[in-house]
N, C-alpha and C. Protein backbone atom coordinates (compact mmCIF):
# COMPACT_ATOMS: atom_id res chain seq x y z
N MET A 1 -34.11 -34.33 2.16
CA MET A 1 -33.27 -33.71 1.17
C MET A 1 -32.38 -34.74 0.47
N VAL A 2 -31.94 -35.71 1.23
CA VAL A 2 -31.08 -36.74 0.62
C VAL A 2 -31.88 -37.52 -0.42
N PHE A 3 -33.15 -37.78 -0.13
CA PHE A 3 -33.98 -38.50 -1.08
C PHE A 3 -34.11 -37.72 -2.39
N LEU A 4 -34.31 -36.42 -2.30
CA LEU A 4 -34.43 -35.60 -3.50
C LEU A 4 -33.14 -35.61 -4.31
N LEU A 5 -32.01 -35.49 -3.62
CA LEU A 5 -30.73 -35.55 -4.31
C LEU A 5 -30.54 -36.90 -5.00
N TRP A 6 -30.86 -37.97 -4.28
CA TRP A 6 -30.74 -39.32 -4.85
C TRP A 6 -31.64 -39.48 -6.07
N ASP A 7 -32.86 -38.99 -5.98
CA ASP A 7 -33.82 -39.13 -7.07
C ASP A 7 -33.35 -38.36 -8.31
N VAL A 8 -32.88 -37.15 -8.12
CA VAL A 8 -32.41 -36.34 -9.25
C VAL A 8 -31.19 -36.98 -9.90
N LEU A 9 -30.23 -37.42 -9.09
CA LEU A 9 -29.03 -38.04 -9.65
C LEU A 9 -29.34 -39.38 -10.32
N ALA A 10 -30.29 -40.12 -9.79
CA ALA A 10 -30.67 -41.39 -10.42
C ALA A 10 -31.28 -41.15 -11.80
N HIS A 11 -32.13 -40.15 -11.90
CA HIS A 11 -32.73 -39.84 -13.20
C HIS A 11 -31.72 -39.24 -14.17
N ALA A 12 -30.76 -38.50 -13.64
CA ALA A 12 -29.72 -37.93 -14.50
C ALA A 12 -28.77 -39.02 -15.01
N TRP A 13 -28.61 -40.09 -14.25
CA TRP A 13 -27.71 -41.17 -14.62
C TRP A 13 -28.32 -42.11 -15.65
N GLU A 14 -29.64 -42.15 -15.76
CA GLU A 14 -30.32 -43.10 -16.65
C GLU A 14 -29.85 -43.03 -18.11
N PRO A 15 -29.74 -41.85 -18.73
CA PRO A 15 -29.27 -41.82 -20.13
C PRO A 15 -27.83 -42.32 -20.28
N ILE A 16 -27.01 -42.07 -19.29
CA ILE A 16 -25.62 -42.53 -19.34
C ILE A 16 -25.59 -44.05 -19.24
N ASP A 17 -26.35 -44.60 -18.31
CA ASP A 17 -26.41 -46.05 -18.14
C ASP A 17 -26.98 -46.73 -19.38
N SER A 18 -28.00 -46.14 -19.96
CA SER A 18 -28.60 -46.69 -21.17
C SER A 18 -27.60 -46.70 -22.32
N ALA A 19 -26.87 -45.60 -22.49
CA ALA A 19 -25.87 -45.53 -23.56
C ALA A 19 -24.76 -46.54 -23.33
N LEU A 20 -24.34 -46.73 -22.10
CA LEU A 20 -23.30 -47.70 -21.80
C LEU A 20 -23.76 -49.13 -22.07
N SER A 21 -25.02 -49.42 -21.76
CA SER A 21 -25.52 -50.78 -21.97
C SER A 21 -25.72 -51.09 -23.46
N HIS A 22 -25.84 -50.06 -24.30
CA HIS A 22 -25.99 -50.26 -25.74
C HIS A 22 -24.69 -49.99 -26.50
N ASP A 23 -23.57 -50.01 -25.79
CA ASP A 23 -22.24 -49.80 -26.38
C ASP A 23 -22.14 -48.51 -27.20
N GLN A 24 -22.70 -47.44 -26.66
CA GLN A 24 -22.61 -46.12 -27.30
C GLN A 24 -21.72 -45.23 -26.42
N GLY A 25 -20.42 -45.47 -26.53
CA GLY A 25 -19.46 -44.78 -25.67
C GLY A 25 -19.45 -43.28 -25.84
N GLY A 26 -19.57 -42.81 -27.07
CA GLY A 26 -19.56 -41.37 -27.31
C GLY A 26 -20.73 -40.66 -26.66
N GLU A 27 -21.89 -41.26 -26.80
CA GLU A 27 -23.08 -40.66 -26.18
C GLU A 27 -22.98 -40.69 -24.66
N ALA A 28 -22.48 -41.79 -24.13
CA ALA A 28 -22.31 -41.90 -22.68
C ALA A 28 -21.32 -40.87 -22.18
N LEU A 29 -20.22 -40.70 -22.91
CA LEU A 29 -19.21 -39.72 -22.51
C LEU A 29 -19.78 -38.30 -22.56
N GLY A 30 -20.52 -37.99 -23.63
CA GLY A 30 -21.13 -36.66 -23.74
C GLY A 30 -22.10 -36.38 -22.62
N ASN A 31 -22.96 -37.34 -22.32
CA ASN A 31 -23.92 -37.16 -21.23
C ASN A 31 -23.21 -37.09 -19.88
N GLY A 32 -22.14 -37.86 -19.73
CA GLY A 32 -21.38 -37.82 -18.49
C GLY A 32 -20.72 -36.47 -18.26
N VAL A 33 -20.19 -35.90 -19.34
CA VAL A 33 -19.57 -34.57 -19.24
C VAL A 33 -20.62 -33.53 -18.87
N VAL A 34 -21.78 -33.60 -19.49
CA VAL A 34 -22.86 -32.66 -19.16
C VAL A 34 -23.27 -32.82 -17.70
N LEU A 35 -23.39 -34.05 -17.23
CA LEU A 35 -23.76 -34.29 -15.83
C LEU A 35 -22.70 -33.71 -14.90
N ALA A 36 -21.42 -33.96 -15.19
CA ALA A 36 -20.35 -33.45 -14.33
C ALA A 36 -20.32 -31.92 -14.30
N ILE A 37 -20.52 -31.30 -15.46
CA ILE A 37 -20.51 -29.84 -15.52
C ILE A 37 -21.68 -29.26 -14.73
N THR A 38 -22.87 -29.83 -14.89
CA THR A 38 -24.03 -29.28 -14.19
C THR A 38 -23.93 -29.48 -12.68
N VAL A 39 -23.39 -30.61 -12.24
CA VAL A 39 -23.19 -30.81 -10.80
C VAL A 39 -22.15 -29.81 -10.29
N GLY A 40 -21.08 -29.61 -11.05
CA GLY A 40 -20.06 -28.63 -10.65
C GLY A 40 -20.60 -27.22 -10.56
N VAL A 41 -21.40 -26.82 -11.55
CA VAL A 41 -21.99 -25.48 -11.53
C VAL A 41 -22.95 -25.34 -10.35
N GLY A 42 -23.70 -26.39 -10.07
CA GLY A 42 -24.60 -26.35 -8.92
C GLY A 42 -23.85 -26.19 -7.61
N LEU A 43 -22.75 -26.91 -7.45
CA LEU A 43 -21.95 -26.79 -6.24
C LEU A 43 -21.31 -25.41 -6.12
N LEU A 44 -20.84 -24.87 -7.25
CA LEU A 44 -20.29 -23.52 -7.22
C LEU A 44 -21.36 -22.48 -6.87
N GLY A 45 -22.59 -22.71 -7.31
CA GLY A 45 -23.69 -21.83 -6.94
C GLY A 45 -23.96 -21.85 -5.45
N LEU A 46 -23.86 -23.04 -4.85
CA LEU A 46 -24.04 -23.14 -3.39
C LEU A 46 -22.92 -22.42 -2.64
N VAL A 47 -21.70 -22.50 -3.13
CA VAL A 47 -20.58 -21.79 -2.51
C VAL A 47 -20.81 -20.29 -2.60
N HIS A 48 -21.23 -19.82 -3.77
CA HIS A 48 -21.50 -18.39 -3.94
C HIS A 48 -22.61 -17.93 -3.00
N PHE A 49 -23.67 -18.70 -2.90
CA PHE A 49 -24.78 -18.35 -2.01
C PHE A 49 -24.32 -18.30 -0.56
N ASP A 50 -23.51 -19.28 -0.15
CA ASP A 50 -23.03 -19.33 1.23
C ASP A 50 -22.16 -18.12 1.55
N ARG A 51 -21.28 -17.76 0.62
CA ARG A 51 -20.43 -16.58 0.85
C ARG A 51 -21.24 -15.30 0.89
N ALA A 52 -22.25 -15.20 0.04
CA ALA A 52 -23.10 -14.00 0.04
C ALA A 52 -23.88 -13.90 1.34
N ALA A 53 -24.39 -15.03 1.82
CA ALA A 53 -25.14 -15.02 3.08
C ALA A 53 -24.23 -14.66 4.25
N ALA A 54 -23.01 -15.17 4.25
CA ALA A 54 -22.07 -14.84 5.32
C ALA A 54 -21.70 -13.36 5.27
N GLY A 55 -21.57 -12.80 4.08
CA GLY A 55 -21.27 -11.37 3.94
C GLY A 55 -22.40 -10.50 4.46
N ARG A 56 -23.63 -10.90 4.18
CA ARG A 56 -24.79 -10.15 4.69
C ARG A 56 -24.82 -10.21 6.20
N GLU A 57 -24.48 -11.35 6.76
CA GLU A 57 -24.50 -11.50 8.21
C GLU A 57 -23.46 -10.59 8.85
N ARG A 58 -22.27 -10.51 8.24
CA ARG A 58 -21.21 -9.64 8.78
C ARG A 58 -21.61 -8.17 8.69
N ARG A 59 -22.21 -7.77 7.56
CA ARG A 59 -22.62 -6.37 7.41
C ARG A 59 -23.76 -6.03 8.35
N ALA A 60 -24.63 -6.99 8.63
CA ALA A 60 -25.78 -6.71 9.49
C ALA A 60 -25.36 -6.58 10.95
N SER A 61 -24.23 -7.15 11.31
CA SER A 61 -23.82 -7.10 12.72
C SER A 61 -23.30 -5.71 13.10
N GLY A 62 -22.81 -4.94 12.15
CA GLY A 62 -22.39 -3.56 12.41
C GLY A 62 -21.06 -3.44 13.10
N PRO A 63 -20.63 -2.19 13.32
CA PRO A 63 -19.31 -1.94 13.90
C PRO A 63 -19.25 -2.29 15.39
N ASP A 64 -20.37 -2.30 16.11
CA ASP A 64 -20.34 -2.62 17.55
C ASP A 64 -19.85 -4.05 17.79
N ALA A 65 -20.23 -4.96 16.91
CA ALA A 65 -19.80 -6.34 17.06
C ALA A 65 -18.30 -6.45 16.85
N THR A 66 -17.74 -5.66 15.95
CA THR A 66 -16.30 -5.69 15.70
C THR A 66 -15.54 -5.19 16.93
N VAL A 67 -16.03 -4.15 17.56
CA VAL A 67 -15.39 -3.61 18.75
C VAL A 67 -15.46 -4.62 19.88
N THR A 68 -16.60 -5.28 20.03
CA THR A 68 -16.76 -6.27 21.08
C THR A 68 -15.80 -7.42 20.88
N LEU A 69 -15.65 -7.89 19.65
CA LEU A 69 -14.75 -8.99 19.37
C LEU A 69 -13.29 -8.58 19.57
N ALA A 70 -12.95 -7.34 19.23
CA ALA A 70 -11.58 -6.89 19.36
C ALA A 70 -11.23 -6.70 20.84
N GLY A 71 -12.19 -6.34 21.66
CA GLY A 71 -11.94 -6.12 23.09
C GLY A 71 -11.89 -7.40 23.88
N ALA A 72 -12.36 -8.49 23.31
CA ALA A 72 -12.42 -9.76 24.06
C ALA A 72 -11.09 -10.45 24.14
């Protein structure tokens, strides 16, 4: 999984690096902002998924698990 993350980020960084090497600051900044936003949205999606999965797990355990935890 780390390899896939590295590969995706390396390819996403290429246009920014190219713009920086050709002294195109505006293009580099624009691509950098797009990269930052997409990484942020992806991380927020993972947080949403994690919370939804945890909620399903709590609902699936039912009221018996709550009583057991309260009695312990």
